[in-house]
Amino acid sequence: MSMTPPPPPPPAGGPPGYPPGSPWGAAPGYQQVREHPDGTTVLVLGILGLVVCGLLAPFAWAKGNRAMREIDAQPHIQWSNRGSVSAGRICGIIGSVLLIVGVAFFVLIIVAAAATA
């Protein structure tokens, strides 16, 4: 009697042509992995507010704070773009501080020019 080798295991992720994962969500005890919908927006606003237009920085800061609150309110979900939200928020904070310093410097120049006139 000859022994035939066992059949190969099925490919990971289910049958071919189907996306991996379950349409009903994660099984109990497993974390879901999701992407926050505002992650890319916060990052882009933060970078643009820091590099191109400082007026966008406060919006990145505020939107980043809101997104971080939403992420922290759902600890059972693993967020794939928490780092992007955090980076955009930090860029927004730095850009906002630079904007405030720039406006204060401009006001100081105007006051100094008015005082000498």
C-alpha atoms as a PDB file:
ATOM      1  CA  MET A   1       0.000   0.000   0.000  1.00  0.00           C
ATOM      2  CA  SER A   2       1.458   3.352  -0.995  1.00  0.00           C
ATOM      3  CA  MET A   3       0.970   6.457   1.098  1.00  0.00           C
ATOM      4  CA  THR A   4       0.070   9.584  -0.788  1.00  0.00           C
ATOM      5  CA  PRO A   5       1.175  12.924   0.618  1.00  0.00           C
ATOM      6  CA  PRO A   6      -1.539  15.114   2.151  1.00  0.00           C
ATOM      7  CA  PRO A   7      -2.988  17.872  -0.011  1.00  0.00           C
ATOM      8  CA  PRO A   8      -1.410  21.332   0.326  1.00  0.00           C
ATOM      9  CA  PRO A   9      -3.053  23.742   2.757  1.00  0.00           C
ATOM     10  CA  PRO A  10      -5.465  26.342   1.349  1.00  0.00           C
ATOM     11  CA  PRO A  11      -4.024  29.801   0.642  1.00  0.00           C
ATOM     12  CA  ALA A  12      -4.176  32.343   3.456  1.00  0.00           C
ATOM     13  CA  GLY A  13      -7.132  34.702   3.360  1.00  0.00           C
ATOM     14  CA  GLY A  14      -9.737  32.317   2.049  1.00  0.00           C
ATOM     15  CA  PRO A  15     -10.581  31.065  -1.421  1.00  0.00           C
ATOM     16  CA  PRO A  16      -8.983  32.800  -4.427  1.00  0.00           C
ATOM     17  CA  GLY A  17     -10.876  35.873  -5.572  1.00  0.00           C
ATOM     18  CA  TYR A  18     -12.184  36.748  -2.110  1.00  0.00           C
ATOM     19  CA  PRO A  19     -10.700  39.436   0.122  1.00  0.00           C
ATOM     20  CA  PRO A  20      -9.108  38.303   3.375  1.00  0.00           C
ATOM     21  CA  GLY A  21     -11.064  38.787   6.558  1.00  0.00           C
ATOM     22  CA  SER A  22     -14.621  38.298   7.632  1.00  0.00           C
ATOM     23  CA  PRO A  23     -17.539  40.472   6.498  1.00  0.00           C
ATOM     24  CA  TRP A  24     -18.975  40.242  10.038  1.00  0.00           C
ATOM     25  CA  GLY A  25     -16.045  41.939  11.778  1.00  0.00           C
ATOM     26  CA  ALA A  26     -13.449  40.504  14.076  1.00  0.00           C
ATOM     27  CA  ALA A  27     -14.078  37.399  16.119  1.00  0.00           C
ATOM     28  CA  PRO A  28     -14.425  37.871  19.877  1.00  0.00           C
ATOM     29  CA  GLY A  29     -11.028  38.381  21.473  1.00  0.00           C
ATOM     30  CA  TYR A  30      -9.464  39.796  18.320  1.00  0.00           C
ATOM     31  CA  GLN A  31      -8.909  43.492  17.609  1.00  0.00           C
ATOM     32  CA  GLN A  32     -10.217  45.162  14.512  1.00  0.00           C
ATOM     33  CA  VAL A  33      -7.734  47.150  12.446  1.00  0.00           C
ATOM     34  CA  ARG A  34      -9.207  50.330  11.008  1.00  0.00           C
ATOM     35  CA  GLU A  35      -8.001  53.550   9.471  1.00  0.00           C
ATOM     36  CA  HIS A  36      -9.347  56.814  10.862  1.00  0.00           C
ATOM     37  CA  PRO A  37     -11.070  58.722   8.043  1.00  0.00           C
ATOM     38  CA  ASP A  38      -9.438  62.053   8.988  1.00  0.00           C
ATOM     39  CA  GLY A  39      -5.883  60.698   9.322  1.00  0.00           C
ATOM     40  CA  THR A  40      -4.644  61.765   5.900  1.00  0.00           C
ATOM     41  CA  THR A  41      -6.455  65.107   6.085  1.00  0.00           C
ATOM     42  CA  VAL A  42      -4.844  65.966   9.424  1.00  0.00           C
ATOM     43  CA  LEU A  43      -1.400  65.019   8.132  1.00  0.00           C
ATOM     44  CA  VAL A  44      -1.751  67.036   4.911  1.00  0.00           C
ATOM     45  CA  LEU A  45      -3.134  70.079   6.763  1.00  0.00           C
ATOM     46  CA  GLY A  46      -0.316  69.867   9.300  1.00  0.00           C
ATOM     47  CA  ILE A  47       2.415  69.697   6.672  1.00  0.00           C
ATOM     48  CA  LEU A  48       0.873  72.460   4.574  1.00  0.00           C
ATOM     49  CA  GLY A  49       0.370  74.602   7.685  1.00  0.00           C
ATOM     50  CA  LEU A  50       4.011  74.157   8.615  1.00  0.00           C
ATOM     51  CA  VAL A  51       5.560  74.596   5.173  1.00  0.00           C
ATOM     52  CA  VAL A  52       3.237  76.522   2.863  1.00  0.00           C
ATOM     53  CA  CYS A  53       0.422  78.401   4.600  1.00  0.00           C
ATOM     54  CA  GLY A  54       0.517  78.935   8.346  1.00  0.00           C
ATOM     55  CA  LEU A  55      -3.211  79.665   8.448  1.00  0.00           C
ATOM     56  CA  LEU A  56      -3.887  75.940   7.936  1.00  0.00           C
ATOM     57  CA  ALA A  57      -1.925  74.901  11.034  1.00  0.00           C
ATOM     58  CA  PRO A  58      -4.647  75.704  13.626  1.00  0.00           C
ATOM     59  CA  PHE A  59      -7.132  73.653  11.586  1.00  0.00           C
ATOM     60  CA  ALA A  60      -4.736  70.691  11.595  1.00  0.00           C
ATOM     61  CA  TRP A  61      -4.272  71.084  15.350  1.00  0.00           C
ATOM     62  CA  ALA A  62      -8.028  71.203  16.057  1.00  0.00           C
ATOM     63  CA  LYS A  63      -8.897  68.385  13.638  1.00  0.00           C
ATOM     64  CA  GLY A  64      -6.009  66.298  15.012  1.00  0.00           C
ATOM     65  CA  ASN A  65      -7.219  66.793  18.590  1.00  0.00           C
ATOM     66  CA  ARG A  66     -10.708  65.660  17.606  1.00  0.00           C
ATOM     67  CA  ALA A  67      -9.397  62.618  15.740  1.00  0.00           C
ATOM     68  CA  MET A  68      -7.155  61.625  18.672  1.00  0.00           C
ATOM     69  CA  ARG A  69     -10.141  61.882  21.055  1.00  0.00           C
ATOM     70  CA  GLU A  70     -12.135  59.604  18.738  1.00  0.00           C
ATOM     71  CA  ILE A  71      -9.242  57.138  18.541  1.00  0.00           C
ATOM     72  CA  ASP A  72      -8.737  57.111  22.315  1.00  0.00           C
ATOM     73  CA  ALA A  73     -12.489  56.663  22.899  1.00  0.00           C
ATOM     74  CA  GLN A  74     -12.387  53.274  21.114  1.00  0.00           C
ATOM     75  CA  PRO A  75      -9.531  51.273  22.666  1.00  0.00           C
ATOM     76  CA  HIS A  76     -10.925  47.970  21.347  1.00  0.00           C
ATOM     77  CA  ILE A  77     -10.029  49.041  17.799  1.00  0.00           C
ATOM     78  CA  GLN A  78      -6.446  49.057  16.538  1.00  0.00           C
ATOM     79  CA  TRP A  79      -5.997  52.186  14.405  1.00  0.00           C
ATOM     80  CA  SER A  80      -3.555  51.793  11.531  1.00  0.00           C
ATOM     81  CA  ASN A  81      -2.976  55.532  11.050  1.00  0.00           C
ATOM     82  CA  ARG A  82      -2.689  56.829  14.616  1.00  0.00           C
ATOM     83  CA  GLY A  83       0.880  57.901  13.809  1.00  0.00           C
ATOM     84  CA  SER A  84      -0.290  59.997  10.858  1.00  0.00           C
ATOM     85  CA  VAL A  85      -2.890  61.725  13.019  1.00  0.00           C
ATOM     86  CA  SER A  86      -0.295  62.387  15.710  1.00  0.00           C
ATOM     87  CA  ALA A  87       2.286  63.697  13.220  1.00  0.00           C
ATOM     88  CA  GLY A  88      -0.248  66.016  11.570  1.00  0.00           C
ATOM     89  CA  ARG A  89      -1.375  67.277  14.966  1.00  0.00           C
ATOM     90  CA  ILE A  90       2.211  68.005  16.040  1.00  0.00           C
ATOM     91  CA  CYS A  91       2.918  69.799  12.742  1.00  0.00           C
ATOM     92  CA  GLY A  92      -0.254  71.820  13.368  1.00  0.00           C
ATOM     93  CA  ILE A  93       0.927  72.766  16.866  1.00  0.00           C
ATOM     94  CA  ILE A  94       4.361  73.837  15.606  1.00  0.00           C
ATOM     95  CA  GLY A  95       2.834  75.736  12.678  1.00  0.00           C
ATOM     96  CA  SER A  96       0.365  77.491  15.000  1.00  0.00           C
ATOM     97  CA  VAL A  97       3.162  78.575  17.339  1.00  0.00           C
ATOM     98  CA  LEU A  98       5.181  79.889  14.386  1.00  0.00           C
ATOM     99  CA  LEU A  99       2.089  81.709  13.117  1.00  0.00           C
ATOM    100  CA  ILE A 100       1.540  83.365  16.511  1.00  0.00           C
ATOM    101  CA  VAL A 101       5.214  84.372  16.737  1.00  0.00           C
ATOM    102  CA  GLY A 102       5.089  85.785  13.197  1.00  0.00           C
ATOM    103  CA  VAL A 103       1.931  87.792  13.878  1.00  0.00           C
ATOM    104  CA  ALA A 104       3.372  89.091  17.171  1.00  0.00           C
ATOM    105  CA  PHE A 105       6.584  90.124  15.394  1.00  0.00           C
ATOM    106  CA  PHE A 106       4.575  91.884  12.673  1.00  0.00           C
ATOM    107  CA  VAL A 107       2.492  93.747  15.259  1.00  0.00           C
ATOM    108  CA  LEU A 108       5.684  94.713  17.102  1.00  0.00           C
ATOM    109  CA  ILE A 109       7.159  96.149  13.886  1.00  0.00           C
ATOM    110  CA  ILE A 110       3.950  98.129  13.228  1.00  0.00           C
ATOM    111  CA  VAL A 111       3.920  99.506  16.792  1.00  0.00           C
ATOM    112  CA  ALA A 112       7.634 100.418  16.590  1.00  0.00           C
ATOM    113  CA  ALA A 113       7.096 102.161  13.245  1.00  0.00           C
ATOM    114  CA  ALA A 114       4.106 104.092  14.620  1.00  0.00           C
ATOM    115  CA  ALA A 115       6.079 105.120  17.722  1.00  0.00           C
ATOM    116  CA  THR A 116       8.957 106.576  15.693  1.00  0.00           C
ATOM    117  CA  ALA A 117       6.675 108.501  13.330  1.00  0.00           C
END
